[in-house]
Amino acid sequence: MRKFKMLTMLCAVLLVLGTVSSATALPITPATGALNTTRWEGTTPQNPNAGDIATIVGFSPLFELYKQDVGAADTGPFAPYYSTSFTNTPTDPEDATITWGGGAIFMSGTPLYLLVKDGASATPAWYIFNLTGLGWDGKQTLELTDFWLSQGAISHVSIYGPSVVPEPLTLLLLGLGLVGVAGISRFRK
C-alpha cells in the first residue's frame, strides 16, 4: 500500500511539472530573432499571403493554419485550439497574446511562421517570425508586445506551416493506414 501511495505522489508531481513547463510564454517583439534568420520584415507585398511568405522565408509550400483579425473570429484549421486577445486598445492594439486552449497542437518539428501585420501604412508593414527557430512548442503562449508604438497597430496575426493536419489527426491517419496494410496482407493469405 505504501508503494502505491509513493507511486501516486510521484505521478502527481510529474503531472504538475509537465503542466508548469508547458505554461511558459514565448515573448515576441519587433526585435526578436536575427534578421533574415528567424525574423523578416518588409513593406511589399502590403498584405502577404501563404505564397508570398513561402518565397520570403525560403520554405514551400505553406498554408495559413490560423488567423485572427482584430475584432473578428479566429479562422483556419487550428482556430478551435488557439485564441488571440489584443490589448492596449480594442481597435488599435500594439500587443497581442496567442494562447493554446487544449486539443490539437501544431506538429512538433514542423516549420511554423508567425505573421504580425500592421493595419495602416507603417514601415515595416509586417513582421514574420520563424516560430520553430525560436523554440515554440505549440503549447507556449505567444506574447506579442510593442508593435508599431504610436504609429499604427496590429491588424491581424496568422500562423503558417506546411501542413493543415493537426498532430492527433496525423496519428489517426497513420493508424488507419496501418490497419489498411494489415487488412490487405490478411486478405492476400
N, C-alpha and C. Protein backbone atom coordinates (compact mmCIF):
# COMPACT_ATOMS: atom_id res chain seq x y z
N MET A 1 0.83 -1.20 0.00
CA MET A 1 0.00 0.00 0.00
C MET A 1 0.88 1.26 0.00
N ARG A 2 1.98 1.20 0.76
CA ARG A 2 2.88 2.35 0.84
C ARG A 2 3.52 2.64 -0.53
N LYS A 3 3.90 1.58 -1.27
CA LYS A 3 4.48 1.77 -2.59
C LYS A 3 3.47 2.42 -3.54
N PHE A 4 2.20 2.03 -3.42
CA PHE A 4 1.16 2.60 -4.26
C PHE A 4 1.02 4.11 -4.00
N LYS A 5 1.06 4.52 -2.72
CA LYS A 5 0.96 5.94 -2.37
C LYS A 5 2.15 6.72 -2.92
N MET A 6 3.35 6.13 -2.79
CA MET A 6 4.55 6.80 -3.29
C MET A 6 4.48 6.96 -4.82
N LEU A 7 4.04 5.90 -5.49
CA LEU A 7 3.91 5.96 -6.93
C LEU A 7 2.87 6.99 -7.35
N THR A 8 1.76 7.06 -6.63
CA THR A 8 0.72 8.05 -6.91
C THR A 8 1.26 9.46 -6.72
N MET A 9 2.00 9.69 -5.66
CA MET A 9 2.57 11.02 -5.40
C MET A 9 3.58 11.40 -6.48
N LEU A 10 4.41 10.46 -6.89
CA LEU A 10 5.39 10.72 -7.94
C LEU A 10 4.70 11.09 -9.25
N CYS A 11 3.65 10.36 -9.60
CA CYS A 11 2.89 10.68 -10.82
C CYS A 11 2.26 12.06 -10.73
N ALA A 12 1.74 12.42 -9.56
CA ALA A 12 1.13 13.74 -9.38
C ALA A 12 2.18 14.84 -9.54
N VAL A 13 3.36 14.65 -8.99
CA VAL A 13 4.43 15.65 -9.11
C VAL A 13 4.84 15.78 -10.57
N LEU A 14 5.01 14.67 -11.27
CA LEU A 14 5.38 14.73 -12.68
C LEU A 14 4.31 15.42 -13.52
N LEU A 15 3.05 15.16 -13.20
CA LEU A 15 1.96 15.81 -13.92
C LEU A 15 1.99 17.32 -13.71
N VAL A 16 2.20 17.75 -12.48
CA VAL A 16 2.28 19.19 -12.17
C VAL A 16 3.46 19.81 -12.88
N LEU A 17 4.62 19.17 -12.83
CA LEU A 17 5.80 19.72 -13.51
C LEU A 17 5.60 19.78 -15.01
N GLY A 18 4.97 18.78 -15.58
CA GLY A 18 4.69 18.80 -17.02
C GLY A 18 3.75 19.92 -17.40
N THR A 19 2.76 20.20 -16.55
CA THR A 19 1.82 21.29 -16.80
C THR A 19 2.51 22.64 -16.67
N VAL A 20 3.35 22.79 -15.66
CA VAL A 20 4.05 24.06 -15.44
C VAL A 20 4.98 24.36 -16.60
N SER A 21 5.72 23.36 -17.08
CA SER A 21 6.67 23.62 -18.15
C SER A 21 5.97 24.02 -19.45
N SER A 22 4.76 23.54 -19.70
CA SER A 22 4.06 23.89 -20.93
C SER A 22 3.30 25.21 -20.79
N ALA A 23 3.27 25.79 -19.59
CA ALA A 23 2.53 27.01 -19.37
C ALA A 23 3.41 28.25 -19.54
N THR A 24 4.64 28.09 -19.98
CA THR A 24 5.53 29.23 -20.16
C THR A 24 5.11 30.03 -21.37
N ALA A 25 5.63 31.23 -21.45
CA ALA A 25 5.29 32.11 -22.57
C ALA A 25 6.54 32.38 -23.40
N LEU A 26 6.33 32.59 -24.68
CA LEU A 26 7.40 32.97 -25.59
C LEU A 26 7.18 34.44 -25.96
N PRO A 27 8.01 35.35 -25.43
CA PRO A 27 7.84 36.77 -25.76
C PRO A 27 8.36 37.08 -27.16
N ILE A 28 7.59 37.86 -27.91
CA ILE A 28 7.99 38.26 -29.25
C ILE A 28 7.77 39.77 -29.39
N THR A 29 8.82 40.46 -29.79
CA THR A 29 8.78 41.90 -30.06
C THR A 29 9.30 42.13 -31.48
N PRO A 30 9.21 43.34 -32.00
CA PRO A 30 9.76 43.57 -33.34
C PRO A 30 11.26 43.26 -33.45
N ALA A 31 11.98 43.23 -32.34
CA ALA A 31 13.42 42.96 -32.36
C ALA A 31 13.77 41.50 -32.10
N THR A 32 12.78 40.64 -31.88
CA THR A 32 13.05 39.23 -31.56
C THR A 32 13.70 38.53 -32.75
N GLY A 33 14.74 37.77 -32.48
CA GLY A 33 15.39 36.94 -33.51
C GLY A 33 16.32 37.72 -34.40
N ALA A 34 17.12 36.97 -35.11
CA ALA A 34 18.08 37.56 -36.04
C ALA A 34 17.39 37.86 -37.37
N LEU A 35 17.64 39.04 -37.91
CA LEU A 35 17.04 39.44 -39.17
C LEU A 35 17.43 38.47 -40.28
N ASN A 36 16.47 38.04 -41.06
CA ASN A 36 16.61 37.11 -42.19
C ASN A 36 17.02 35.71 -41.77
N THR A 37 16.94 35.40 -40.47
CA THR A 37 17.20 34.04 -39.99
C THR A 37 15.97 33.53 -39.26
N THR A 38 15.53 34.29 -38.26
CA THR A 38 14.30 33.94 -37.56
C THR A 38 13.30 35.08 -37.61
N ARG A 39 13.66 36.20 -38.24
CA ARG A 39 12.73 37.33 -38.37
C ARG A 39 12.95 38.00 -39.72
N TRP A 40 11.83 38.31 -40.36
CA TRP A 40 11.85 39.07 -41.61
C TRP A 40 10.88 40.23 -41.43
N GLU A 41 11.13 41.31 -42.14
CA GLU A 41 10.22 42.46 -42.09
C GLU A 41 10.22 43.11 -43.46
N GLY A 42 9.12 43.79 -43.76
CA GLY A 42 9.06 44.43 -45.06
C GLY A 42 7.79 45.21 -45.28
N THR A 43 7.70 45.80 -46.46
CA THR A 43 6.53 46.58 -46.83
C THR A 43 5.84 46.03 -48.08
N THR A 44 6.55 45.20 -48.86
CA THR A 44 5.94 44.61 -50.04
C THR A 44 6.07 43.11 -49.99
N PRO A 45 5.05 42.39 -50.35
CA PRO A 45 3.73 42.91 -50.65
C PRO A 45 3.07 43.49 -49.40
N GLN A 46 2.13 44.38 -49.61
CA GLN A 46 1.47 45.06 -48.49
C GLN A 46 0.76 44.07 -47.56
N ASN A 47 0.10 43.08 -48.14
CA ASN A 47 -0.63 42.09 -47.35
C ASN A 47 -0.20 40.69 -47.82
N PRO A 48 0.92 40.16 -47.29
CA PRO A 48 1.45 38.90 -47.81
C PRO A 48 0.52 37.71 -47.55
N ASN A 49 0.48 36.79 -48.53
CA ASN A 49 -0.30 35.56 -48.39
C ASN A 49 0.67 34.38 -48.22
N ALA A 50 0.15 33.17 -48.20
CA ALA A 50 0.98 31.99 -47.96
C ALA A 50 2.10 31.85 -49.00
N GLY A 51 1.79 32.11 -50.26
CA GLY A 51 2.80 32.03 -51.31
C GLY A 51 3.91 33.06 -51.13
N ASP A 52 3.52 34.29 -50.77
CA ASP A 52 4.50 35.35 -50.54
C ASP A 52 5.42 34.98 -49.37
N ILE A 53 4.83 34.47 -48.30
CA ILE A 53 5.62 34.12 -47.11
C ILE A 53 6.57 32.96 -47.43
N ALA A 54 6.10 31.98 -48.21
CA ALA A 54 6.96 30.87 -48.61
C ALA A 54 8.18 31.39 -49.38
N THR A 55 7.97 32.36 -50.26
CA THR A 55 9.08 32.95 -51.01
C THR A 55 10.02 33.71 -50.09
N ILE A 56 9.47 34.47 -49.16
CA ILE A 56 10.29 35.28 -48.24
C ILE A 56 11.17 34.41 -47.35
N VAL A 57 10.59 33.36 -46.76
CA VAL A 57 11.34 32.53 -45.80
C VAL A 57 12.10 31.39 -46.47
N GLY A 58 11.80 31.11 -47.74
CA GLY A 58 12.50 30.06 -48.46
C GLY A 58 12.04 28.66 -48.13
N PHE A 59 10.76 28.52 -47.75
CA PHE A 59 10.20 27.19 -47.46
C PHE A 59 8.84 27.11 -48.13
N SER A 60 8.64 26.03 -48.90
CA SER A 60 7.39 25.90 -49.63
C SER A 60 6.95 24.46 -49.63
N PRO A 61 5.66 24.16 -49.70
CA PRO A 61 4.53 25.09 -49.67
C PRO A 61 4.15 25.42 -48.23
N LEU A 62 3.51 26.56 -48.06
CA LEU A 62 2.99 26.97 -46.76
C LEU A 62 1.49 27.21 -46.89
N PHE A 63 0.77 26.97 -45.80
CA PHE A 63 -0.66 27.19 -45.74
C PHE A 63 -0.98 28.04 -44.52
N GLU A 64 -2.02 28.84 -44.61
CA GLU A 64 -2.46 29.60 -43.44
C GLU A 64 -3.24 28.65 -42.53
N LEU A 65 -2.67 28.37 -41.36
CA LEU A 65 -3.25 27.41 -40.44
C LEU A 65 -4.10 28.07 -39.36
N TYR A 66 -3.80 29.34 -39.08
CA TYR A 66 -4.54 30.05 -38.03
C TYR A 66 -4.46 31.54 -38.34
N LYS A 67 -5.59 32.24 -38.17
CA LYS A 67 -5.60 33.69 -38.38
C LYS A 67 -6.60 34.32 -37.43
N GLN A 68 -6.21 35.48 -36.90
CA GLN A 68 -7.11 36.27 -36.07
C GLN A 68 -6.99 37.72 -36.49
N ASP A 69 -8.07 38.26 -37.05
CA ASP A 69 -8.16 39.69 -37.36
C ASP A 69 -8.69 40.40 -36.12
N VAL A 70 -8.23 41.63 -35.89
CA VAL A 70 -8.74 42.41 -34.77
C VAL A 70 -10.25 42.59 -34.96
N GLY A 71 -11.02 42.21 -33.96
CA GLY A 71 -12.47 42.38 -34.00
C GLY A 71 -13.22 41.32 -34.77
N ALA A 72 -12.54 40.26 -35.20
CA ALA A 72 -13.22 39.20 -35.96
C ALA A 72 -12.97 37.85 -35.28
N ALA A 73 -13.54 36.81 -35.85
CA ALA A 73 -13.40 35.46 -35.29
C ALA A 73 -12.11 34.81 -35.78
N ASP A 74 -11.60 33.85 -35.00
CA ASP A 74 -10.46 33.05 -35.42
C ASP A 74 -10.85 32.25 -36.65
N THR A 75 -9.91 32.04 -37.56
CA THR A 75 -10.17 31.22 -38.75
C THR A 75 -9.01 30.27 -38.97
N GLY A 76 -9.23 29.26 -39.79
CA GLY A 76 -8.19 28.29 -40.13
C GLY A 76 -8.42 26.97 -39.41
N PRO A 77 -7.72 25.91 -39.84
CA PRO A 77 -7.93 24.59 -39.26
C PRO A 77 -7.58 24.51 -37.76
N PHE A 78 -6.73 25.40 -37.27
CA PHE A 78 -6.35 25.37 -35.86
C PHE A 78 -7.14 26.37 -35.02
N ALA A 79 -8.13 27.03 -35.60
CA ALA A 79 -8.94 28.00 -34.85
C ALA A 79 -9.61 27.42 -33.62
N PRO A 80 -10.06 26.16 -33.63
CA PRO A 80 -10.68 25.62 -32.41
C PRO A 80 -9.71 25.44 -31.25
N TYR A 81 -8.40 25.45 -31.51
CA TYR A 81 -7.42 25.12 -30.49
C TYR A 81 -6.63 26.32 -29.97
N TYR A 82 -6.69 27.44 -30.66
CA TYR A 82 -5.94 28.64 -30.28
C TYR A 82 -6.87 29.83 -30.23
N SER A 83 -6.49 30.82 -29.42
CA SER A 83 -7.26 32.07 -29.39
C SER A 83 -6.28 33.22 -29.22
N THR A 84 -6.69 34.38 -29.71
CA THR A 84 -5.85 35.57 -29.63
C THR A 84 -6.63 36.68 -28.96
N SER A 85 -5.97 37.36 -28.04
CA SER A 85 -6.56 38.56 -27.44
C SER A 85 -5.62 39.72 -27.72
N PHE A 86 -6.21 40.83 -28.15
CA PHE A 86 -5.45 42.04 -28.44
C PHE A 86 -5.61 43.01 -27.28
N THR A 87 -4.52 43.70 -26.94
CA THR A 87 -4.58 44.62 -25.80
C THR A 87 -4.13 46.01 -26.20
N ASN A 88 -4.08 46.89 -25.24
CA ASN A 88 -3.87 48.33 -25.35
C ASN A 88 -5.21 48.99 -25.64
N THR A 89 -5.63 48.96 -26.90
CA THR A 89 -6.96 49.45 -27.24
C THR A 89 -7.63 48.41 -28.13
N PRO A 90 -8.94 48.30 -28.07
CA PRO A 90 -9.61 47.25 -28.86
C PRO A 90 -9.43 47.39 -30.37
N THR A 91 -9.32 48.62 -30.88
CA THR A 91 -9.22 48.79 -32.33
C THR A 91 -7.83 49.17 -32.80
N ASP A 92 -6.92 49.53 -31.91
CA ASP A 92 -5.56 49.91 -32.26
C ASP A 92 -4.53 49.20 -31.39
N PRO A 93 -4.49 47.88 -31.38
CA PRO A 93 -3.61 47.18 -30.44
C PRO A 93 -2.15 47.19 -30.85
N GLU A 94 -1.28 47.34 -29.86
CA GLU A 94 0.16 47.21 -30.05
C GLU A 94 0.65 45.87 -29.53
N ASP A 95 -0.20 45.18 -28.76
CA ASP A 95 0.15 43.91 -28.14
C ASP A 95 -0.94 42.88 -28.43
N ALA A 96 -0.53 41.61 -28.39
CA ALA A 96 -1.48 40.51 -28.56
C ALA A 96 -0.94 39.28 -27.84
N THR A 97 -1.84 38.40 -27.47
CA THR A 97 -1.47 37.15 -26.82
C THR A 97 -2.17 36.00 -27.55
N ILE A 98 -1.39 35.04 -28.03
CA ILE A 98 -1.95 33.86 -28.69
C ILE A 98 -1.79 32.70 -27.71
N THR A 99 -2.92 32.08 -27.36
CA THR A 99 -2.94 31.06 -26.33
C THR A 99 -3.48 29.75 -26.87
N TRP A 100 -2.85 28.66 -26.48
CA TRP A 100 -3.33 27.32 -26.80
C TRP A 100 -4.38 26.96 -25.78
N GLY A 101 -5.53 26.48 -26.23
CA GLY A 101 -6.63 26.16 -25.33
C GLY A 101 -6.83 24.68 -25.11
N GLY A 102 -5.91 23.87 -25.59
CA GLY A 102 -6.05 22.42 -25.46
C GLY A 102 -6.44 21.81 -26.79
N GLY A 103 -6.38 20.52 -26.86
CA GLY A 103 -6.69 19.82 -28.11
C GLY A 103 -5.48 19.71 -28.99
N ALA A 104 -5.69 19.76 -30.28
CA ALA A 104 -4.60 19.58 -31.24
C ALA A 104 -3.57 20.69 -31.11
N ILE A 105 -2.33 20.35 -31.38
CA ILE A 105 -1.27 21.35 -31.45
C ILE A 105 -0.59 21.21 -32.80
N PHE A 106 0.22 22.19 -33.15
CA PHE A 106 0.97 22.11 -34.38
C PHE A 106 1.99 20.98 -34.25
N MET A 107 2.25 20.28 -35.33
CA MET A 107 3.17 19.14 -35.30
C MET A 107 4.56 19.60 -34.90
N SER A 108 5.14 18.92 -33.90
CA SER A 108 6.46 19.30 -33.44
C SER A 108 7.50 19.09 -34.53
N GLY A 109 8.42 20.02 -34.63
CA GLY A 109 9.45 19.97 -35.65
C GLY A 109 9.03 20.54 -36.98
N THR A 110 7.76 20.87 -37.13
CA THR A 110 7.26 21.44 -38.37
C THR A 110 7.64 22.92 -38.45
N PRO A 111 8.18 23.38 -39.57
CA PRO A 111 8.47 24.80 -39.69
C PRO A 111 7.17 25.62 -39.63
N LEU A 112 7.10 26.50 -38.66
CA LEU A 112 5.92 27.36 -38.47
C LEU A 112 6.35 28.81 -38.46
N TYR A 113 5.54 29.66 -39.07
CA TYR A 113 5.87 31.08 -39.19
C TYR A 113 4.71 31.92 -38.72
N LEU A 114 5.02 32.95 -37.94
CA LEU A 114 4.02 33.89 -37.43
C LEU A 114 4.12 35.18 -38.22
N LEU A 115 2.99 35.62 -38.77
CA LEU A 115 2.91 36.91 -39.44
C LEU A 115 2.19 37.88 -38.50
N VAL A 116 2.81 39.03 -38.23
CA VAL A 116 2.18 40.10 -37.48
C VAL A 116 2.07 41.26 -38.46
N LYS A 117 0.84 41.66 -38.76
CA LYS A 117 0.57 42.64 -39.83
C LYS A 117 0.01 43.93 -39.27
N ASP A 118 0.51 45.06 -39.81
CA ASP A 118 0.01 46.39 -39.44
C ASP A 118 -1.20 46.71 -40.31
N GLY A 119 -2.16 47.44 -39.73
CA GLY A 119 -3.37 47.79 -40.48
C GLY A 119 -3.23 49.04 -41.31
N ALA A 120 -2.28 49.88 -41.00
CA ALA A 120 -2.10 51.15 -41.72
C ALA A 120 -0.92 50.99 -42.69
N SER A 121 -0.30 52.08 -43.01
CA SER A 121 0.84 52.03 -43.93
C SER A 121 2.13 52.31 -43.18
N ALA A 122 2.30 51.70 -42.02
CA ALA A 122 3.52 51.87 -41.24
C ALA A 122 4.68 51.14 -41.91
N THR A 123 5.88 51.50 -41.52
CA THR A 123 7.07 50.83 -42.03
C THR A 123 7.80 50.21 -40.85
N PRO A 124 8.05 48.92 -40.87
CA PRO A 124 7.63 47.95 -41.87
C PRO A 124 6.14 47.65 -41.75
N ALA A 125 5.56 47.12 -42.80
CA ALA A 125 4.12 46.82 -42.81
C ALA A 125 3.84 45.49 -42.14
N TRP A 126 4.86 44.63 -42.03
CA TRP A 126 4.66 43.31 -41.43
C TRP A 126 5.98 42.77 -40.90
N TYR A 127 5.83 41.82 -39.98
CA TYR A 127 6.95 41.05 -39.44
C TYR A 127 6.60 39.57 -39.60
N ILE A 128 7.58 38.76 -39.92
CA ILE A 128 7.42 37.31 -39.96
C ILE A 128 8.46 36.72 -39.01
N PHE A 129 8.03 35.80 -38.16
CA PHE A 129 8.92 35.15 -37.20
C PHE A 129 8.90 33.65 -37.43
N ASN A 130 10.09 33.04 -37.42
CA ASN A 130 10.21 31.59 -37.52
C ASN A 130 9.98 31.03 -36.12
N LEU A 131 8.76 30.57 -35.84
CA LEU A 131 8.41 30.08 -34.51
C LEU A 131 9.20 28.83 -34.14
N THR A 132 9.46 27.96 -35.10
CA THR A 132 10.23 26.76 -34.83
C THR A 132 11.66 27.13 -34.45
N GLY A 133 12.24 28.08 -35.18
CA GLY A 133 13.59 28.55 -34.88
C GLY A 133 13.69 29.24 -33.53
N LEU A 134 12.58 29.81 -33.05
CA LEU A 134 12.55 30.45 -31.74
C LEU A 134 12.24 29.46 -30.62
N GLY A 135 12.01 28.18 -30.98
CA GLY A 135 11.79 27.15 -29.98
C GLY A 135 10.37 26.99 -29.49
N TRP A 136 9.39 27.47 -30.26
CA TRP A 136 7.99 27.36 -29.84
C TRP A 136 7.53 25.91 -29.94
N ASP A 137 6.85 25.42 -28.89
CA ASP A 137 6.41 24.03 -28.86
C ASP A 137 4.93 23.86 -29.20
N GLY A 138 4.24 24.91 -29.56
CA GLY A 138 2.82 24.82 -29.90
C GLY A 138 1.90 25.02 -28.71
N LYS A 139 2.42 24.82 -27.50
CA LYS A 139 1.61 24.99 -26.29
C LYS A 139 1.94 26.29 -25.57
N GLN A 140 3.13 26.80 -25.78
CA GLN A 140 3.53 28.04 -25.12
C GLN A 140 2.66 29.20 -25.60
N THR A 141 2.34 30.09 -24.69
CA THR A 141 1.63 31.31 -25.05
C THR A 141 2.59 32.22 -25.80
N LEU A 142 2.13 32.80 -26.89
CA LEU A 142 2.93 33.78 -27.64
C LEU A 142 2.52 35.16 -27.16
N GLU A 143 3.45 35.90 -26.55
CA GLU A 143 3.18 37.25 -26.06
C GLU A 143 3.82 38.25 -27.00
N LEU A 144 2.99 38.90 -27.82
CA LEU A 144 3.46 39.89 -28.78
C LEU A 144 3.36 41.26 -28.15
N THR A 145 4.46 41.99 -28.09
CA THR A 145 4.44 43.32 -27.45
C THR A 145 5.22 44.34 -28.28
N ASP A 146 4.80 45.59 -28.12
CA ASP A 146 5.50 46.76 -28.66
C ASP A 146 5.52 46.85 -30.19
N PHE A 147 4.44 46.45 -30.83
CA PHE A 147 4.38 46.54 -32.29
C PHE A 147 3.77 47.88 -32.70
N TRP A 148 4.48 48.62 -33.52
CA TRP A 148 4.06 49.91 -34.08
C TRP A 148 3.60 50.88 -32.99
N LEU A 149 4.49 51.13 -32.04
CA LEU A 149 4.18 52.04 -30.94
C LEU A 149 3.87 53.44 -31.47
N SER A 150 2.70 53.93 -31.20
CA SER A 150 2.26 55.28 -31.55
C SER A 150 2.32 55.59 -33.03
N GLN A 151 2.35 54.57 -33.89
CA GLN A 151 2.41 54.83 -35.33
C GLN A 151 1.62 53.82 -36.15
N GLY A 152 0.74 53.10 -35.54
CA GLY A 152 -0.03 52.10 -36.24
C GLY A 152 -0.56 51.09 -35.24
N ALA A 153 -0.94 49.95 -35.71
CA ALA A 153 -1.47 48.93 -34.82
C ALA A 153 -1.46 47.58 -35.53
N ILE A 154 -1.60 46.52 -34.75
CA ILE A 154 -1.71 45.18 -35.32
C ILE A 154 -3.10 45.06 -35.94
N SER A 155 -3.15 44.66 -37.21
CA SER A 155 -4.45 44.41 -37.84
C SER A 155 -4.83 42.94 -37.73
N HIS A 156 -3.83 42.05 -37.86
CA HIS A 156 -4.09 40.63 -37.69
C HIS A 156 -2.80 39.87 -37.45
N VAL A 157 -2.96 38.66 -36.92
CA VAL A 157 -1.85 37.72 -36.76
C VAL A 157 -2.24 36.42 -37.46
N SER A 158 -1.26 35.76 -38.05
CA SER A 158 -1.50 34.49 -38.74
C SER A 158 -0.34 33.56 -38.48
N ILE A 159 -0.62 32.25 -38.45
CA ILE A 159 0.43 31.24 -38.36
C ILE A 159 0.37 30.39 -39.63
N TYR A 160 1.54 30.25 -40.25
CA TYR A 160 1.66 29.49 -41.50
C TYR A 160 2.54 28.27 -41.28
N GLY A 161 2.23 27.20 -41.96
CA GLY A 161 3.04 25.99 -41.89
C GLY A 161 2.79 25.13 -43.11
N PRO A 162 3.56 24.04 -43.26
CA PRO A 162 3.45 23.20 -44.44
C PRO A 162 2.30 22.21 -44.42
N SER A 163 1.65 22.03 -43.27
CA SER A 163 0.62 21.00 -43.17
C SER A 163 -0.62 21.57 -42.52
N VAL A 164 -1.77 21.12 -42.98
CA VAL A 164 -3.01 21.56 -42.36
C VAL A 164 -3.61 20.46 -41.48
N VAL A 165 -2.84 19.40 -41.19
CA VAL A 165 -3.34 18.29 -40.39
C VAL A 165 -2.81 18.41 -38.96
N PRO A 166 -3.68 18.62 -37.96
CA PRO A 166 -3.22 18.66 -36.58
C PRO A 166 -2.62 17.33 -36.15
N GLU A 167 -1.74 17.35 -35.14
CA GLU A 167 -1.00 16.17 -34.71
C GLU A 167 -1.88 14.96 -34.36
N PRO A 168 -2.95 15.09 -33.58
CA PRO A 168 -3.76 13.90 -33.30
C PRO A 168 -4.37 13.29 -34.56
N LEU A 169 -4.71 14.13 -35.52
CA LEU A 169 -5.26 13.60 -36.78
C LEU A 169 -4.19 12.87 -37.57
N THR A 170 -2.95 13.33 -37.47
CA THR A 170 -1.85 12.65 -38.14
C THR A 170 -1.71 11.24 -37.60
N LEU A 171 -1.76 11.11 -36.26
CA LEU A 171 -1.66 9.80 -35.65
C LEU A 171 -2.84 8.91 -36.05
N LEU A 172 -4.03 9.49 -36.12
CA LEU A 172 -5.21 8.74 -36.55
C LEU A 172 -5.03 8.24 -37.98
N LEU A 173 -4.55 9.11 -38.86
CA LEU A 173 -4.33 8.71 -40.25
C LEU A 173 -3.27 7.61 -40.34
N LEU A 174 -2.21 7.73 -39.54
CA LEU A 174 -1.18 6.69 -39.53
C LEU A 174 -1.78 5.36 -39.07
N GLY A 175 -2.58 5.40 -38.01
CA GLY A 175 -3.23 4.19 -37.51
C GLY A 175 -4.14 3.56 -38.55
N LEU A 176 -4.93 4.39 -39.22
CA LEU A 176 -5.82 3.87 -40.27
C LEU A 176 -5.03 3.25 -41.41
N GLY A 177 -3.89 3.85 -41.73
CA GLY A 177 -3.03 3.29 -42.77
C GLY A 177 -2.48 1.93 -42.38
N LEU A 178 -2.07 1.81 -41.12
CA LEU A 178 -1.55 0.52 -40.65
C LEU A 178 -2.64 -0.55 -40.64
N VAL A 179 -3.85 -0.16 -40.25
CA VAL A 179 -4.98 -1.10 -40.27
C VAL A 179 -5.24 -1.54 -41.71
N GLY A 180 -5.17 -0.61 -42.64
CA GLY A 180 -5.37 -0.94 -44.04
C GLY A 180 -4.32 -1.90 -44.57
N VAL A 181 -3.05 -1.66 -44.21
CA VAL A 181 -1.96 -2.56 -44.64
C VAL A 181 -2.17 -3.95 -44.05
N ALA A 182 -2.56 -4.00 -42.76
CA ALA A 182 -2.80 -5.29 -42.13
C ALA A 182 -3.97 -6.01 -42.81
N GLY A 183 -5.01 -5.27 -43.15
CA GLY A 183 -6.16 -5.86 -43.82
C GLY A 183 -5.80 -6.41 -45.19
N ILE A 184 -4.98 -5.69 -45.93
CA ILE A 184 -4.58 -6.14 -47.26
C ILE A 184 -3.73 -7.40 -47.16
N SER A 185 -2.78 -7.40 -46.22
CA SER A 185 -1.92 -8.58 -46.09
C SER A 185 -2.72 -9.79 -45.61
N ARG A 186 -3.72 -9.56 -44.79
CA ARG A 186 -4.55 -10.67 -44.31
C ARG A 186 -5.45 -11.18 -45.45
N PHE A 187 -5.92 -10.25 -46.28
CA PHE A 187 -6.78 -10.62 -47.41
C PHE A 187 -6.03 -11.46 -48.42
N ARG A 188 -4.74 -11.20 -48.61
CA ARG A 188 -3.92 -11.91 -49.60
C ARG A 188 -3.63 -13.35 -49.17
N LYS A 189 -3.69 -13.65 -47.87
CA LYS A 189 -3.37 -15.01 -47.40
C LYS A 189 -4.41 -16.00 -47.73
